[in-house]
């Protein structure tokens, strides 16, 4: 068996070579579920989005079931500013009032979601755009009354996703959920991705961000960590700031049955393929002890 260059555009010759070298890894992921969190900053340029879309289509071609969960913070900030909506913050987190959550839903489930769907379809895939409100996929509790319409997933219903897998479709999910009283909740993108990955018992949860991974005290990326090591590095302050929510998401997903979580730099070309189909991988992989 050989992956033919004819399947791939001329611009993707390097990807073709990578995959031909990666054949021993392909059977490992046959019919596996891989949830990818695509962060707002990691979306980058149109060229970067097109490259990511081609990677996702190739994953589907070799038998992987990819699920894309995306953020969109920079896009939300931009529209709020243009609308003249002033944001309030509590303990560093944006208060999402009734008007703000409408903007959040419009940007995430509309502008950002459809951009990703269009990119994947243009690359030859079959993507469908969703939010956590569709079929009550993500049901939330309010995270904190002080934060308004910010939700924490309490129930994830993955039946729709399994149906899409059978039709070889690629779900693209905006992190918007519903409440018991039909409220609309904004969900942290990493949190939503971790909850979905846990419900699917995914083989991998890939958290694409704008840093190369978890770093030690010398600034070097730690390529493999156990859950115990993550807790040690958090307790001693090595893991700090914005990396803490990502590692917390990783630990929670692993407890729910995800096989491994990888934090990696989504700005690196073909980062997802490098992680899945090369022996050296990419970023920082976290596993259960």
Protein backbone atom coordinates (compact mmCIF):
# COMPACT_ATOMS: atom_id res chain seq x y z
CA UNK A 1 0.00 0.00 0.00
CA UNK A 2 1.22 3.49 -0.85
CA UNK A 3 -0.52 6.86 -0.56
CA UNK A 4 -0.45 8.20 -4.09
CA UNK A 5 0.64 11.75 -4.82
CA UNK A 6 -2.42 12.00 -7.06
CA UNK A 7 -4.54 12.27 -3.93
CA UNK A 8 -2.72 15.41 -2.92
CA UNK A 9 -2.15 18.75 -4.60
CA UNK A 10 1.29 19.67 -5.88
CA UNK A 11 1.66 22.13 -3.00
CA UNK A 12 1.27 19.19 -0.62
CA UNK A 13 4.15 17.10 -1.94
CA UNK A 14 5.92 17.40 1.40
CA UNK A 15 2.81 16.08 3.15
CA UNK A 16 2.71 13.16 0.70
CA UNK A 17 6.30 12.24 1.55
CA UNK A 18 5.54 12.51 5.24
CA UNK A 19 2.56 10.20 4.92
CA UNK A 20 4.44 7.67 2.81
CA UNK A 21 7.01 7.50 5.59
CA UNK A 22 4.19 7.26 8.12
CA UNK A 23 2.49 4.14 6.79
CA UNK A 24 3.46 2.05 9.84
CA UNK A 25 1.49 4.53 11.98
CA UNK A 26 -1.69 4.56 9.90
CA UNK A 27 -3.25 1.30 11.06
CA UNK A 28 -2.86 2.48 14.65
CA UNK A 29 -5.54 5.11 14.02
CA UNK A 30 -7.95 3.15 11.83
CA UNK A 31 -11.45 4.37 12.78
CA UNK A 32 -10.02 6.30 15.74
CA UNK A 33 -11.63 9.51 16.96
CA UNK A 34 -9.32 12.53 17.16
CA UNK A 35 -10.75 15.74 18.64
CA UNK A 36 -8.88 18.88 17.62
CA UNK A 37 -9.29 22.18 19.47
CA UNK A 38 -8.46 24.96 17.03
CA UNK A 39 -7.79 28.15 18.95
CA UNK A 40 -8.59 31.62 17.67
CA UNK A 41 -4.91 32.59 17.45
CA UNK A 42 -3.97 29.24 15.87
CA UNK A 43 -6.34 29.85 12.95
CA UNK A 44 -3.88 32.34 11.54
CA UNK A 45 -3.96 33.36 7.90
CA UNK A 46 -6.12 32.07 5.09
CA UNK A 47 -3.11 30.07 3.88
CA UNK A 48 -2.71 28.52 7.34
CA UNK A 49 -6.41 27.68 7.47
CA UNK A 50 -6.23 26.04 4.04
CA UNK A 51 -3.22 23.96 5.15
CA UNK A 52 -5.03 22.86 8.32
CA UNK A 53 -8.10 21.91 6.26
CA UNK A 54 -6.01 19.74 3.93
CA UNK A 55 -4.51 17.98 6.96
CA UNK A 56 -7.99 17.25 8.34
CA UNK A 57 -9.16 15.88 4.99
CA UNK A 58 -6.13 13.61 4.80
CA UNK A 59 -6.90 12.32 8.29
CA UNK A 60 -10.42 11.43 7.15
CA UNK A 61 -8.99 9.81 3.98
CA UNK A 62 -6.85 7.38 5.99
CA UNK A 63 -9.73 6.32 8.25
CA UNK A 64 -9.57 8.74 11.19
CA UNK A 65 -12.73 10.41 12.47
CA UNK A 66 -11.67 14.02 13.14
CA UNK A 67 -13.83 16.37 15.21
CA UNK A 68 -12.98 20.08 15.17
CA UNK A 69 -13.91 22.26 18.14
CA UNK A 70 -12.92 25.88 17.65
CA UNK A 71 -12.53 29.07 19.60
CA UNK A 72 -12.66 32.61 18.30
CA UNK A 73 -11.74 35.02 21.08
CA UNK A 74 -9.91 37.53 18.86
CA UNK A 75 -12.85 37.65 16.43
CA UNK A 76 -15.30 38.19 19.31
CA UNK A 77 -13.12 40.99 20.70
CA UNK A 78 -12.98 42.65 17.28
CA UNK A 79 -16.75 42.64 16.73
CA UNK A 80 -17.52 43.80 20.26
CA UNK A 81 -15.13 46.71 19.76
CA UNK A 82 -16.70 47.63 16.42
CA UNK A 83 -20.17 47.50 17.99
CA UNK A 84 -18.99 49.71 20.84
CA UNK A 85 -19.81 47.06 23.44
CA UNK A 86 -17.63 47.56 26.49
CA UNK A 87 -16.57 44.34 28.20
CA UNK A 88 -16.49 43.93 31.95
CA UNK A 89 -14.21 41.45 33.66
CA UNK A 90 -14.45 39.56 36.94
CA UNK A 91 -11.24 37.95 38.21
CA UNK A 92 -9.79 38.30 34.72
CA UNK A 93 -12.74 36.63 32.95
CA UNK A 94 -15.16 38.38 30.61
CA UNK A 95 -18.70 38.88 31.91
CA UNK A 96 -21.05 37.52 29.24
CA UNK A 97 -24.36 39.30 29.64
CA UNK A 98 -27.47 38.71 27.51
CA UNK A 99 -26.31 41.08 24.76
CA UNK A 100 -22.74 39.82 24.71
CA UNK A 101 -23.75 36.16 24.43
CA UNK A 102 -25.72 37.04 21.28
CA UNK A 103 -22.56 38.49 19.75
CA UNK A 104 -20.54 35.47 20.89
CA UNK A 105 -23.00 33.05 19.29
CA UNK A 106 -23.12 35.07 16.08
CA UNK A 107 -19.33 35.10 15.74
CA UNK A 108 -18.63 31.51 16.82
CA UNK A 109 -21.56 29.64 15.26
CA UNK A 110 -21.63 31.92 12.22
CA UNK A 111 -18.48 33.66 11.05
CA UNK A 112 -15.78 31.41 12.53
CA UNK A 113 -17.58 28.08 12.19
CA UNK A 114 -18.48 28.60 8.55
CA UNK A 115 -14.97 29.73 7.66
CA UNK A 116 -13.59 26.41 8.90
CA UNK A 117 -16.36 24.40 7.23
CA UNK A 118 -15.76 26.15 3.92
CA UNK A 119 -12.01 25.56 4.13
CA UNK A 120 -12.46 21.82 4.73
CA UNK A 121 -15.04 21.48 1.97
CA UNK A 122 -12.78 23.40 -0.43
CA UNK A 123 -10.02 20.90 0.39
CA UNK A 124 -12.25 18.02 -0.69
CA UNK A 125 -13.78 17.02 2.65
CA UNK A 126 -17.36 16.84 3.82
CA UNK A 127 -17.65 19.16 6.81
CA UNK A 128 -20.80 20.16 8.65
CA UNK A 129 -21.02 23.12 11.00
CA UNK A 130 -22.64 22.65 14.40
CA UNK A 131 -22.81 24.19 17.83
CA UNK A 132 -23.30 22.48 21.17
CA UNK A 133 -26.95 23.55 21.02
CA UNK A 134 -27.70 21.21 18.11
CA UNK A 135 -29.56 18.13 19.40
CA UNK A 136 -28.68 19.38 22.92
CA UNK A 137 -25.18 18.10 22.28
CA UNK A 138 -23.74 20.10 25.20
CA UNK A 139 -25.96 20.86 28.19
CA UNK A 140 -24.45 23.29 30.68
CA UNK A 141 -24.66 24.59 34.19
CA UNK A 142 -23.86 28.23 34.78
CA UNK A 143 -20.19 28.45 35.70
CA UNK A 144 -20.44 31.48 37.96
CA UNK A 145 -23.37 33.90 38.37
CA UNK A 146 -20.90 36.80 38.35
CA UNK A 147 -19.84 35.82 34.82
CA UNK A 148 -23.34 35.71 33.36
CA UNK A 149 -23.97 33.33 30.46
CA UNK A 150 -20.77 31.31 30.75
CA UNK A 151 -21.39 27.59 30.99
CA UNK A 152 -19.68 24.44 32.23
CA UNK A 153 -20.67 21.23 30.39
CA UNK A 154 -22.54 18.80 32.60
CA UNK A 155 -23.81 16.47 29.87
CA UNK A 156 -22.55 15.71 26.36
CA UNK A 157 -24.75 13.77 23.93
CA UNK A 158 -22.53 12.43 21.11
CA UNK A 159 -25.16 10.47 19.14
CA UNK A 160 -25.20 13.01 16.29
CA UNK A 161 -21.43 12.82 15.98
CA UNK A 162 -21.51 9.02 15.64
CA UNK A 163 -24.09 9.39 12.86
CA UNK A 164 -21.81 11.84 11.05
CA UNK A 165 -18.86 9.45 11.38
CA UNK A 166 -20.86 6.74 9.62
CA UNK A 167 -21.40 9.12 6.71
CA UNK A 168 -17.68 10.05 6.67
CA UNK A 169 -18.48 13.65 7.54
CA UNK A 170 -16.30 15.97 9.59
CA UNK A 171 -18.07 17.80 12.47
CA UNK A 172 -16.99 21.38 13.16
CA UNK A 173 -18.38 22.49 16.52
CA UNK A 174 -18.75 25.98 17.99
CA UNK A 175 -18.44 26.00 21.82
CA UNK A 176 -21.96 27.21 22.52
CA UNK A 177 -24.20 25.16 24.83
CA UNK A 178 -27.70 25.12 26.17
CA UNK A 179 -29.01 25.26 29.72
CA UNK A 180 -31.86 23.47 31.44
CA UNK A 181 -33.97 26.60 30.98
CA UNK A 182 -33.08 26.90 27.27
CA UNK A 183 -30.44 29.54 28.00
CA UNK A 184 -27.54 30.00 25.60
CA UNK A 185 -24.13 29.58 27.24
CA UNK A 186 -20.68 30.51 26.02
CA UNK A 187 -18.20 27.71 26.83
CA UNK A 188 -14.43 27.94 26.98
CA UNK A 189 -13.20 26.26 23.79
CA UNK A 190 -10.68 23.99 25.53
CA UNK A 191 -13.32 22.94 28.05
CA UNK A 192 -15.82 22.13 25.31
CA UNK A 193 -13.24 20.13 23.36
CA UNK A 194 -12.26 18.16 26.46
CA UNK A 195 -15.88 17.37 27.29
CA UNK A 196 -16.61 16.19 23.75
CA UNK A 197 -13.43 14.12 23.62
CA UNK A 198 -14.36 12.49 26.93
CA UNK A 199 -17.87 11.65 25.76
CA UNK A 200 -16.44 10.06 22.59
CA UNK A 201 -13.63 8.26 24.46
CA UNK A 202 -11.35 9.77 21.85
CA UNK A 203 -7.97 8.29 21.01
CA UNK A 204 -6.45 11.78 20.98
CA UNK A 205 -7.37 15.27 22.07
CA UNK A 206 -5.12 17.78 20.31
CA UNK A 207 -5.11 21.28 21.81
CA UNK A 208 -3.73 23.58 19.12
CA UNK A 209 -2.47 26.84 20.55
CA UNK A 210 0.20 29.49 19.92
CA UNK A 211 2.96 27.97 22.07
CA UNK A 212 5.04 24.85 21.33
CA UNK A 213 3.87 22.92 24.39
CA UNK A 214 4.42 22.60 28.15
CA UNK A 215 7.82 24.00 29.11
CA UNK A 216 10.07 23.13 32.03
CA UNK A 217 11.89 25.68 34.18
CA UNK A 218 14.68 26.04 31.59
CA UNK A 219 12.20 26.86 28.85
CA UNK A 220 12.50 23.54 27.04
CA UNK A 221 9.36 21.77 25.82
CA UNK A 222 8.57 18.60 27.76
CA UNK A 223 7.53 16.10 25.10
CA UNK A 224 5.93 13.51 27.40
CA UNK A 225 4.25 13.96 30.78
CA UNK A 226 2.20 11.87 33.14
CA UNK A 227 -0.75 13.27 35.03
CA UNK A 228 1.31 13.15 38.23
CA UNK A 229 4.08 15.18 36.60
CA UNK A 230 1.58 17.79 35.41
CA UNK A 231 0.28 18.19 38.96
CA UNK A 232 3.83 18.50 40.32
CA UNK A 233 4.73 21.18 37.76
CA UNK A 234 1.52 23.06 38.55
CA UNK A 235 2.12 22.93 42.29
CA UNK A 236 5.68 24.24 41.99
CA UNK A 237 4.66 27.03 39.59
CA UNK A 238 6.38 25.68 36.46
CA UNK A 239 3.01 25.37 34.76
CA UNK A 240 1.40 28.78 35.16
CA UNK A 241 -0.81 31.39 33.52
CA UNK A 242 -2.70 30.38 30.41
CA UNK A 243 -1.20 26.90 30.36
CA UNK A 244 -3.06 25.92 33.54
CA UNK A 245 -6.54 25.78 31.94
CA UNK A 246 -5.13 23.66 29.11
CA UNK A 247 -3.49 21.13 31.40
CA UNK A 248 -6.60 21.05 33.60
CA UNK A 249 -8.64 20.26 30.47
CA UNK A 250 -6.14 17.51 29.64
CA UNK A 251 -6.37 15.92 33.08
CA UNK A 252 -10.17 16.02 33.03
CA UNK A 253 -10.33 14.48 29.54
CA UNK A 254 -7.97 11.68 30.53
CA UNK A 255 -10.10 10.88 33.57
CA UNK A 256 -13.12 10.58 31.23
CA UNK A 257 -11.40 8.00 29.03
CA UNK A 258 -9.39 9.91 26.43
CA UNK A 259 -6.28 7.90 25.60
CA UNK A 260 -3.85 10.85 25.34
CA UNK A 261 -3.87 14.65 25.15
CA UNK A 262 -1.33 16.69 23.21
CA UNK A 263 -0.72 20.43 23.57
CA UNK A 264 1.00 21.71 20.43
CA UNK A 265 1.65 24.80 18.34
CA UNK A 266 -1.08 25.16 15.73
CA UNK A 267 0.99 27.70 13.81
CA UNK A 268 3.49 25.03 12.76
CA UNK A 269 2.70 23.75 9.26
CA UNK A 270 1.14 20.27 9.33
CA UNK A 271 1.43 20.10 13.13
CA UNK A 272 -1.47 17.64 13.38
CA UNK A 273 0.06 15.24 10.84
CA UNK A 274 3.47 15.48 12.49
CA UNK A 275 1.92 14.53 15.82
CA UNK A 276 -0.10 11.60 14.55
CA UNK A 277 2.13 10.15 11.85
CA UNK A 278 5.75 10.62 12.91
CA UNK A 279 7.77 8.89 15.58
CA UNK A 280 8.90 12.17 17.19
CA UNK A 281 5.42 13.72 17.30
CA UNK A 282 4.87 17.39 18.16
CA UNK A 283 4.28 19.34 21.33
CA UNK A 284 3.67 17.84 24.78
CA UNK A 285 1.81 14.55 25.19
CA UNK A 286 0.03 13.88 28.49
CA UNK A 287 -1.07 10.40 29.52
CA UNK A 288 -2.47 8.72 32.60
CA UNK A 289 0.25 7.52 34.98
